[in-house]
Amino acid sequence: MPYGYLGSMKTRAGCRDDVVAILLSGVDGLREVGCELYVVGVSDQDEVTIWVTEVWRSREHHDASLRLPETRAAIGRAMPMLTGEFTSQELTVVGGLGL
């Protein structure tokens, strides 16, 4: 079964667009490492929260992606712009459009 991950993060005021750019900077290589879906979203009513929806071939693929040097570098660039407020939910993906 595919592995799903839903998460949100809060940014410091004025940093949301910079963090979104970091999150989107590495999408070209995600499919190669097992990612089937990666969506970054924001709300017009909330200027500090970013939502990320991910579907991976397996949890192992997801976990391995977090150890990649480029992923670790992106996290390092984003962390100073984040408040430390995160939410997350792991899912077993059972189907849907676009998968």
C-alpha atoms as a PDB file:
ATOM      1  CA  MET A   1       0.000   0.000   0.000  1.00  0.00           C
ATOM      2  CA  PRO A   2       1.224   3.513  -0.722  1.00  0.00           C
ATOM      3  CA  TYR A   3       2.215   5.700   2.213  1.00  0.00           C
ATOM      4  CA  GLY A   4       0.601   9.108   2.665  1.00  0.00           C
ATOM      5  CA  TYR A   5       1.753  12.057   4.695  1.00  0.00           C
ATOM      6  CA  LEU A   6      -0.180  15.251   5.408  1.00  0.00           C
ATOM      7  CA  GLY A   7       1.594  18.040   7.181  1.00  0.00           C
ATOM      8  CA  SER A   8       1.457  21.705   7.971  1.00  0.00           C
ATOM      9  CA  MET A   9       4.063  24.159   9.136  1.00  0.00           C
ATOM     10  CA  LYS A  10       3.879  27.730  10.336  1.00  0.00           C
ATOM     11  CA  THR A  11       6.370  30.271   9.096  1.00  0.00           C
ATOM     12  CA  ARG A  12       7.587  33.470  10.624  1.00  0.00           C
ATOM     13  CA  ALA A  13       5.724  36.544   9.317  1.00  0.00           C
ATOM     14  CA  GLY A  14       6.783  37.397   5.787  1.00  0.00           C
ATOM     15  CA  CYS A  15       8.629  34.112   5.208  1.00  0.00           C
ATOM     16  CA  ARG A  16       5.876  31.905   3.757  1.00  0.00           C
ATOM     17  CA  ASP A  17       6.733  32.477   0.090  1.00  0.00           C
ATOM     18  CA  ASP A  18      10.429  31.822   0.700  1.00  0.00           C
ATOM     19  CA  VAL A  19       9.671  28.518   2.437  1.00  0.00           C
ATOM     20  CA  VAL A  20       7.262  27.524  -0.350  1.00  0.00           C
ATOM     21  CA  ALA A  21      10.034  28.184  -2.876  1.00  0.00           C
ATOM     22  CA  ILE A  22      12.386  25.928  -0.905  1.00  0.00           C
ATOM     23  CA  LEU A  23       9.756  23.173  -0.687  1.00  0.00           C
ATOM     24  CA  LEU A  24       9.171  23.311  -4.434  1.00  0.00           C
ATOM     25  CA  SER A  25      12.825  23.607  -5.430  1.00  0.00           C
ATOM     26  CA  GLY A  26      13.470  19.873  -5.351  1.00  0.00           C
ATOM     27  CA  VAL A  27      10.316  18.453  -6.877  1.00  0.00           C
ATOM     28  CA  ASP A  28      11.979  17.414 -10.137  1.00  0.00           C
ATOM     29  CA  GLY A  29      13.815  14.526  -8.468  1.00  0.00           C
ATOM     30  CA  LEU A  30      11.046  13.302  -6.177  1.00  0.00           C
ATOM     31  CA  ARG A  31       9.498  10.756  -8.549  1.00  0.00           C
ATOM     32  CA  GLU A  32      12.888   9.083  -8.975  1.00  0.00           C
ATOM     33  CA  VAL A  33      13.086   8.438  -5.227  1.00  0.00           C
ATOM     34  CA  GLY A  34       9.573   7.007  -4.868  1.00  0.00           C
ATOM     35  CA  CYS A  35       7.219   9.977  -4.596  1.00  0.00           C
ATOM     36  CA  GLU A  36       3.913   9.633  -6.439  1.00  0.00           C
ATOM     37  CA  LEU A  37       2.296  12.921  -5.341  1.00  0.00           C
ATOM     38  CA  TYR A  38       3.716  16.077  -3.747  1.00  0.00           C
ATOM     39  CA  VAL A  39       1.457  19.095  -3.339  1.00  0.00           C
ATOM     40  CA  VAL A  40       2.293  22.317  -1.495  1.00  0.00           C
ATOM     41  CA  GLY A  41      -0.631  24.594  -0.690  1.00  0.00           C
ATOM     42  CA  VAL A  42      -1.345  27.896   1.040  1.00  0.00           C
ATOM     43  CA  SER A  43      -4.496  29.752   2.020  1.00  0.00           C
ATOM     44  CA  ASP A  44      -5.377  33.341   1.153  1.00  0.00           C
ATOM     45  CA  GLN A  45      -6.800  33.707   4.688  1.00  0.00           C
ATOM     46  CA  ASP A  46      -3.674  32.486   6.516  1.00  0.00           C
ATOM     47  CA  GLU A  47      -0.368  34.136   5.677  1.00  0.00           C
ATOM     48  CA  VAL A  48       1.871  31.860   7.765  1.00  0.00           C
ATOM     49  CA  THR A  49       0.699  28.259   7.259  1.00  0.00           C
ATOM     50  CA  ILE A  50       1.872  25.902   4.529  1.00  0.00           C
ATOM     51  CA  TRP A  51       0.187  22.556   3.854  1.00  0.00           C
ATOM     52  CA  VAL A  52       2.013  19.639   2.240  1.00  0.00           C
ATOM     53  CA  THR A  53       0.352  16.485   0.905  1.00  0.00           C
ATOM     54  CA  GLU A  54       2.566  13.574  -0.096  1.00  0.00           C
ATOM     55  CA  VAL A  55       2.037  10.053  -1.442  1.00  0.00           C
ATOM     56  CA  TRP A  56       5.015   7.693  -1.586  1.00  0.00           C
ATOM     57  CA  ARG A  57       5.423   4.142  -2.889  1.00  0.00           C
ATOM     58  CA  SER A  58       6.221   3.154   0.709  1.00  0.00           C
ATOM     59  CA  ARG A  59       7.165   4.640   4.054  1.00  0.00           C
ATOM     60  CA  GLU A  60      10.703   3.452   3.399  1.00  0.00           C
ATOM     61  CA  HIS A  61      10.864   5.596   0.249  1.00  0.00           C
ATOM     62  CA  HIS A  62       9.674   8.613   2.247  1.00  0.00           C
ATOM     63  CA  ASP A  63      12.154   8.028   5.052  1.00  0.00           C
ATOM     64  CA  ALA A  64      15.025   7.539   2.590  1.00  0.00           C
ATOM     65  CA  SER A  65      14.169  10.844   0.894  1.00  0.00           C
ATOM     66  CA  LEU A  66      14.696  12.656   4.193  1.00  0.00           C
ATOM     67  CA  ARG A  67      18.280  11.400   4.321  1.00  0.00           C
ATOM     68  CA  LEU A  68      19.235  12.766   0.892  1.00  0.00           C
ATOM     69  CA  PRO A  69      21.841  15.565   1.026  1.00  0.00           C
ATOM     70  CA  GLU A  70      19.658  17.925  -1.013  1.00  0.00           C
ATOM     71  CA  THR A  71      16.676  17.320   1.283  1.00  0.00           C
ATOM     72  CA  ARG A  72      18.767  17.923   4.384  1.00  0.00           C
ATOM     73  CA  ALA A  73      20.155  21.131   2.855  1.00  0.00           C
ATOM     74  CA  ALA A  74      16.644  22.384   2.012  1.00  0.00           C
ATOM     75  CA  ILE A  75      15.455  21.653   5.554  1.00  0.00           C
ATOM     76  CA  GLY A  76      18.449  23.571   6.890  1.00  0.00           C
ATOM     77  CA  ARG A  77      17.582  26.596   4.749  1.00  0.00           C
ATOM     78  CA  ALA A  78      13.911  26.537   5.766  1.00  0.00           C
ATOM     79  CA  MET A  79      14.233  25.944   9.513  1.00  0.00           C
ATOM     80  CA  PRO A  80      15.223  29.514  10.492  1.00  0.00           C
ATOM     81  CA  MET A  81      12.045  30.754   8.776  1.00  0.00           C
ATOM     82  CA  LEU A  82       9.730  28.361  10.665  1.00  0.00           C
ATOM     83  CA  THR A  83       8.137  28.868  14.070  1.00  0.00           C
ATOM     84  CA  GLY A  84       8.373  25.223  15.138  1.00  0.00           C
ATOM     85  CA  GLU A  85       4.610  24.696  14.958  1.00  0.00           C
ATOM     86  CA  PHE A  86       3.970  21.581  12.867  1.00  0.00           C
ATOM     87  CA  THR A  87       1.144  19.114  12.372  1.00  0.00           C
ATOM     88  CA  SER A  88       1.409  15.738  10.700  1.00  0.00           C
ATOM     89  CA  GLN A  89      -0.694  12.728   9.879  1.00  0.00           C
ATOM     90  CA  GLU A  90       0.470   9.457   8.366  1.00  0.00           C
ATOM     91  CA  LEU A  91      -1.968   7.590   6.145  1.00  0.00           C
ATOM     92  CA  THR A  92      -2.387   4.363   4.251  1.00  0.00           C
ATOM     93  CA  VAL A  93      -3.489   5.500   0.816  1.00  0.00           C
ATOM     94  CA  VAL A  94      -6.361   3.404  -0.497  1.00  0.00           C
ATOM     95  CA  GLY A  95      -7.067   5.209  -3.777  1.00  0.00           C
ATOM     96  CA  GLY A  96      -8.028   8.449  -5.415  1.00  0.00           C
ATOM     97  CA  LEU A  97      -7.723  10.571  -8.507  1.00  0.00           C
ATOM     98  CA  GLY A  98      -4.239  11.250  -9.805  1.00  0.00           C
ATOM     99  CA  LEU A  99      -2.537   8.231  -8.273  1.00  0.00           C
END
